[in-house]
Amino acid sequence: MKQAVLLTFCLCGLTACATGVTPMMDRTASPCGDKPNCVSTQENRDKFHLEPFVLKPQATLAQIEQVALQLPGAKSAQQQENYLRIECTSSVFRFVDDLELKMDGKQLLVRSESRVGYSDFGVNRKRAEQLRALLQEAGLIE
């Protein structure tokens, strides 16, 4: 009996540590928290603010996704009508960051945030600016 109870607790503990797919809501319009691990086009605070991404009329979400998937460690995680979430996994420690993109009229809302840790050492800003350069090169933003 003791072994069965002990086994049950061990199995519960192991499954609690398992990381599965994290369902996410669209947070493109949400402000970043206070940790320096997030950037957004919707932010007014300087250390979190990204300049707007102005879409060209012919840009589609499918084209934007293809460009975003060129970023290091990027894979598609979620897609809705005008929304896309890309998971970017770091090569060394395998940290996952969420890059969220939403077409909103002539703007592409961009939000990139680390899931864990306090500081991202500028990784999310660098990723967002790399995305900007790739989208400009592809002729999808101004």
C-alpha atoms as a PDB file:
ATOM      1  CA  MET A   1       0.000   0.000   0.000  1.00  0.00           C
ATOM      2  CA  LYS A   2       2.791   2.431   0.913  1.00  0.00           C
ATOM      3  CA  GLN A   3       4.501   1.693  -2.383  1.00  0.00           C
ATOM      4  CA  ALA A   4       1.322   2.462  -4.338  1.00  0.00           C
ATOM      5  CA  VAL A   5       0.900   5.807  -2.563  1.00  0.00           C
ATOM      6  CA  LEU A   6       4.567   6.653  -3.050  1.00  0.00           C
ATOM      7  CA  LEU A   7       4.382   5.701  -6.731  1.00  0.00           C
ATOM      8  CA  THR A   8       1.279   7.876  -7.186  1.00  0.00           C
ATOM      9  CA  PHE A   9       3.021  10.907  -5.652  1.00  0.00           C
ATOM     10  CA  CYS A  10       6.112  10.355  -7.793  1.00  0.00           C
ATOM     11  CA  LEU A  11       4.073  10.112 -10.986  1.00  0.00           C
ATOM     12  CA  CYS A  12       2.074  13.224 -10.085  1.00  0.00           C
ATOM     13  CA  GLY A  13       5.298  15.081  -9.401  1.00  0.00           C
ATOM     14  CA  LEU A  14       6.797  14.050 -12.722  1.00  0.00           C
ATOM     15  CA  THR A  15       3.740  15.035 -14.735  1.00  0.00           C
ATOM     16  CA  ALA A  16       3.620  18.402 -12.977  1.00  0.00           C
ATOM     17  CA  CYS A  17       7.134  19.089 -14.277  1.00  0.00           C
ATOM     18  CA  ALA A  18       6.294  18.160 -17.859  1.00  0.00           C
ATOM     19  CA  THR A  19       6.054  21.071 -20.248  1.00  0.00           C
ATOM     20  CA  GLY A  20       3.525  20.771 -22.982  1.00  0.00           C
ATOM     21  CA  VAL A  21       2.139  23.200 -25.495  1.00  0.00           C
ATOM     22  CA  THR A  22       1.265  26.411 -23.729  1.00  0.00           C
ATOM     23  CA  PRO A  23      -2.037  27.771 -25.013  1.00  0.00           C
ATOM     24  CA  MET A  24      -1.818  31.524 -25.408  1.00  0.00           C
ATOM     25  CA  MET A  25      -4.205  34.340 -25.995  1.00  0.00           C
ATOM     26  CA  ASP A  26      -3.475  37.180 -28.383  1.00  0.00           C
ATOM     27  CA  ARG A  27      -1.392  39.622 -26.313  1.00  0.00           C
ATOM     28  CA  THR A  28      -0.328  41.964 -29.121  1.00  0.00           C
ATOM     29  CA  ALA A  29      -2.292  44.852 -27.581  1.00  0.00           C
ATOM     30  CA  SER A  30      -1.218  44.053 -24.002  1.00  0.00           C
ATOM     31  CA  PRO A  31       1.476  46.161 -22.390  1.00  0.00           C
ATOM     32  CA  CYS A  32       4.745  44.539 -21.406  1.00  0.00           C
ATOM     33  CA  GLY A  33       5.288  43.885 -17.720  1.00  0.00           C
ATOM     34  CA  ASP A  34       8.039  45.583 -15.742  1.00  0.00           C
ATOM     35  CA  LYS A  35      10.760  43.024 -16.519  1.00  0.00           C
ATOM     36  CA  PRO A  36      13.223  43.990 -19.286  1.00  0.00           C
ATOM     37  CA  ASN A  37      12.353  40.945 -21.411  1.00  0.00           C
ATOM     38  CA  CYS A  38       9.648  42.274 -23.726  1.00  0.00           C
ATOM     39  CA  VAL A  39       9.224  44.747 -26.590  1.00  0.00           C
ATOM     40  CA  SER A  40       6.071  45.861 -28.386  1.00  0.00           C
ATOM     41  CA  THR A  41       4.839  48.288 -31.013  1.00  0.00           C
ATOM     42  CA  GLN A  42       1.962  49.063 -28.624  1.00  0.00           C
ATOM     43  CA  GLU A  43       4.224  50.174 -25.771  1.00  0.00           C
ATOM     44  CA  ASN A  44       4.806  53.831 -24.894  1.00  0.00           C
ATOM     45  CA  ARG A  45       7.644  53.263 -22.410  1.00  0.00           C
ATOM     46  CA  ASP A  46      10.990  53.755 -24.165  1.00  0.00           C
ATOM     47  CA  LYS A  47      12.708  50.578 -22.987  1.00  0.00           C
ATOM     48  CA  PHE A  48       9.805  48.426 -24.263  1.00  0.00           C
ATOM     49  CA  HIS A  49       8.756  50.471 -27.324  1.00  0.00           C
ATOM     50  CA  LEU A  50       9.214  49.374 -30.932  1.00  0.00           C
ATOM     51  CA  GLU A  51       8.671  51.778 -33.810  1.00  0.00           C
ATOM     52  CA  PRO A  52       5.587  50.896 -35.894  1.00  0.00           C
ATOM     53  CA  PHE A  53       5.723  48.294 -38.646  1.00  0.00           C
ATOM     54  CA  VAL A  54       3.733  49.887 -41.504  1.00  0.00           C
ATOM     55  CA  LEU A  55       2.363  47.264 -43.885  1.00  0.00           C
ATOM     56  CA  LYS A  56       2.357  47.606 -47.641  1.00  0.00           C
ATOM     57  CA  PRO A  57      -1.095  47.016 -49.207  1.00  0.00           C
ATOM     58  CA  GLN A  58      -0.179  43.669 -50.801  1.00  0.00           C
ATOM     59  CA  ALA A  59       1.170  42.082 -47.580  1.00  0.00           C
ATOM     60  CA  THR A  60      -0.558  38.921 -46.363  1.00  0.00           C
ATOM     61  CA  LEU A  61      -0.255  37.023 -43.101  1.00  0.00           C
ATOM     62  CA  ALA A  62       1.036  33.975 -44.986  1.00  0.00           C
ATOM     63  CA  GLN A  63       3.879  36.051 -46.470  1.00  0.00           C
ATOM     64  CA  ILE A  64       4.688  37.550 -43.068  1.00  0.00           C
ATOM     65  CA  GLU A  65       4.774  34.059 -41.551  1.00  0.00           C
ATOM     66  CA  GLN A  66       7.214  32.816 -44.206  1.00  0.00           C
ATOM     67  CA  VAL A  67       9.531  35.732 -43.458  1.00  0.00           C
ATOM     68  CA  ALA A  68       9.233  35.310 -39.667  1.00  0.00           C
ATOM     69  CA  LEU A  69      10.152  31.639 -39.961  1.00  0.00           C
ATOM     70  CA  GLN A  70      13.566  32.719 -41.276  1.00  0.00           C
ATOM     71  CA  LEU A  71      14.432  33.954 -37.765  1.00  0.00           C
ATOM     72  CA  PRO A  72      16.768  31.657 -35.792  1.00  0.00           C
ATOM     73  CA  GLY A  73      14.905  28.928 -33.889  1.00  0.00           C
ATOM     74  CA  ALA A  74      11.493  30.046 -35.196  1.00  0.00           C
ATOM     75  CA  LYS A  75       8.493  27.771 -35.650  1.00  0.00           C
ATOM     76  CA  SER A  76       4.783  28.458 -36.095  1.00  0.00           C
ATOM     77  CA  ALA A  77       2.803  27.851 -32.928  1.00  0.00           C
ATOM     78  CA  GLN A  78      -0.612  29.422 -33.442  1.00  0.00           C
ATOM     79  CA  GLN A  79      -2.522  31.145 -36.205  1.00  0.00           C
ATOM     80  CA  GLN A  80      -5.895  32.841 -36.302  1.00  0.00           C
ATOM     81  CA  GLU A  81      -7.510  35.158 -38.825  1.00  0.00           C
ATOM     82  CA  ASN A  82      -5.092  38.121 -38.567  1.00  0.00           C
ATOM     83  CA  TYR A  83      -2.866  36.795 -35.774  1.00  0.00           C
ATOM     84  CA  LEU A  84       0.248  34.663 -35.689  1.00  0.00           C
ATOM     85  CA  ARG A  85       2.362  33.406 -32.804  1.00  0.00           C
ATOM     86  CA  ILE A  86       5.881  32.214 -33.542  1.00  0.00           C
ATOM     87  CA  GLU A  87       7.919  30.401 -30.902  1.00  0.00           C
ATOM     88  CA  CYS A  88      11.618  31.233 -31.024  1.00  0.00           C
ATOM     89  CA  THR A  89      13.869  28.764 -29.208  1.00  0.00           C
ATOM     90  CA  SER A  90      17.389  29.771 -28.218  1.00  0.00           C
ATOM     91  CA  SER A  91      20.117  27.474 -29.472  1.00  0.00           C
ATOM     92  CA  VAL A  92      22.092  27.067 -26.244  1.00  0.00           C
ATOM     93  CA  PHE A  93      19.696  26.930 -23.284  1.00  0.00           C
ATOM     94  CA  ARG A  94      16.542  26.158 -25.341  1.00  0.00           C
ATOM     95  CA  PHE A  95      14.585  29.084 -23.835  1.00  0.00           C
ATOM     96  CA  VAL A  96      11.339  29.780 -25.685  1.00  0.00           C
ATOM     97  CA  ASP A  97      10.252  33.333 -26.497  1.00  0.00           C
ATOM     98  CA  ASP A  98       6.923  34.279 -28.045  1.00  0.00           C
ATOM     99  CA  LEU A  99       6.866  36.519 -31.099  1.00  0.00           C
ATOM    100  CA  GLU A 100       3.300  37.673 -31.698  1.00  0.00           C
ATOM    101  CA  LEU A 101       2.230  39.360 -34.927  1.00  0.00           C
ATOM    102  CA  LYS A 102      -1.162  40.808 -35.775  1.00  0.00           C
ATOM    103  CA  MET A 103      -2.298  42.592 -38.913  1.00  0.00           C
ATOM    104  CA  ASP A 104      -4.354  45.601 -37.816  1.00  0.00           C
ATOM    105  CA  GLY A 105      -5.271  47.786 -40.768  1.00  0.00           C
ATOM    106  CA  LYS A 106      -2.063  49.302 -42.145  1.00  0.00           C
ATOM    107  CA  GLN A 107      -0.057  48.284 -39.068  1.00  0.00           C
ATOM    108  CA  LEU A 108       1.613  45.051 -38.089  1.00  0.00           C
ATOM    109  CA  LEU A 109       1.434  44.825 -34.308  1.00  0.00           C
ATOM    110  CA  VAL A 110       4.581  43.148 -33.006  1.00  0.00           C
ATOM    111  CA  ARG A 111       5.225  41.846 -29.499  1.00  0.00           C
ATOM    112  CA  SER A 112       8.201  39.690 -28.522  1.00  0.00           C
ATOM    113  CA  GLU A 113       8.578  38.433 -24.959  1.00  0.00           C
ATOM    114  CA  SER A 114      10.600  35.869 -23.047  1.00  0.00           C
ATOM    115  CA  ARG A 115       8.578  33.272 -21.181  1.00  0.00           C
ATOM    116  CA  VAL A 116      11.074  32.841 -18.352  1.00  0.00           C
ATOM    117  CA  GLY A 117      13.736  34.896 -16.647  1.00  0.00           C
ATOM    118  CA  TYR A 118      14.064  38.522 -15.710  1.00  0.00           C
ATOM    119  CA  SER A 119      16.192  40.076 -18.436  1.00  0.00           C
ATOM    120  CA  ASP A 120      16.546  38.935 -22.032  1.00  0.00           C
ATOM    121  CA  PHE A 121      19.787  40.919 -22.597  1.00  0.00           C
ATOM    122  CA  GLY A 122      18.203  42.629 -25.606  1.00  0.00           C
ATOM    123  CA  VAL A 123      17.355  39.411 -27.472  1.00  0.00           C
ATOM    124  CA  ASN A 124      13.701  40.303 -28.122  1.00  0.00           C
ATOM    125  CA  ARG A 125      14.528  43.788 -29.424  1.00  0.00           C
ATOM    126  CA  LYS A 126      17.227  42.328 -31.665  1.00  0.00           C
ATOM    127  CA  ARG A 127      14.757  39.717 -32.962  1.00  0.00           C
ATOM    128  CA  ALA A 128      12.089  42.348 -33.678  1.00  0.00           C
ATOM    129  CA  GLU A 129      14.550  44.558 -35.553  1.00  0.00           C
ATOM    130  CA  GLN A 130      15.832  41.547 -37.503  1.00  0.00           C
ATOM    131  CA  LEU A 131      12.211  40.795 -38.431  1.00  0.00           C
ATOM    132  CA  ARG A 132      11.770  44.418 -39.527  1.00  0.00           C
ATOM    133  CA  ALA A 133      14.801  44.172 -41.821  1.00  0.00           C
ATOM    134  CA  LEU A 134      13.591  40.878 -43.319  1.00  0.00           C
ATOM    135  CA  LEU A 135      10.068  42.241 -43.900  1.00  0.00           C
ATOM    136  CA  GLN A 136      11.483  45.370 -45.569  1.00  0.00           C
ATOM    137  CA  GLU A 137      13.730  43.230 -47.757  1.00  0.00           C
ATOM    138  CA  ALA A 138      10.688  41.143 -48.760  1.00  0.00           C
ATOM    139  CA  GLY A 139       8.762  44.321 -49.625  1.00  0.00           C
ATOM    140  CA  LEU A 140       6.040  43.685 -47.035  1.00  0.00           C
ATOM    141  CA  ILE A 141       6.548  46.777 -44.852  1.00  0.00           C
ATOM    142  CA  GLU A 142       7.718  50.322 -45.480  1.00  0.00           C
END
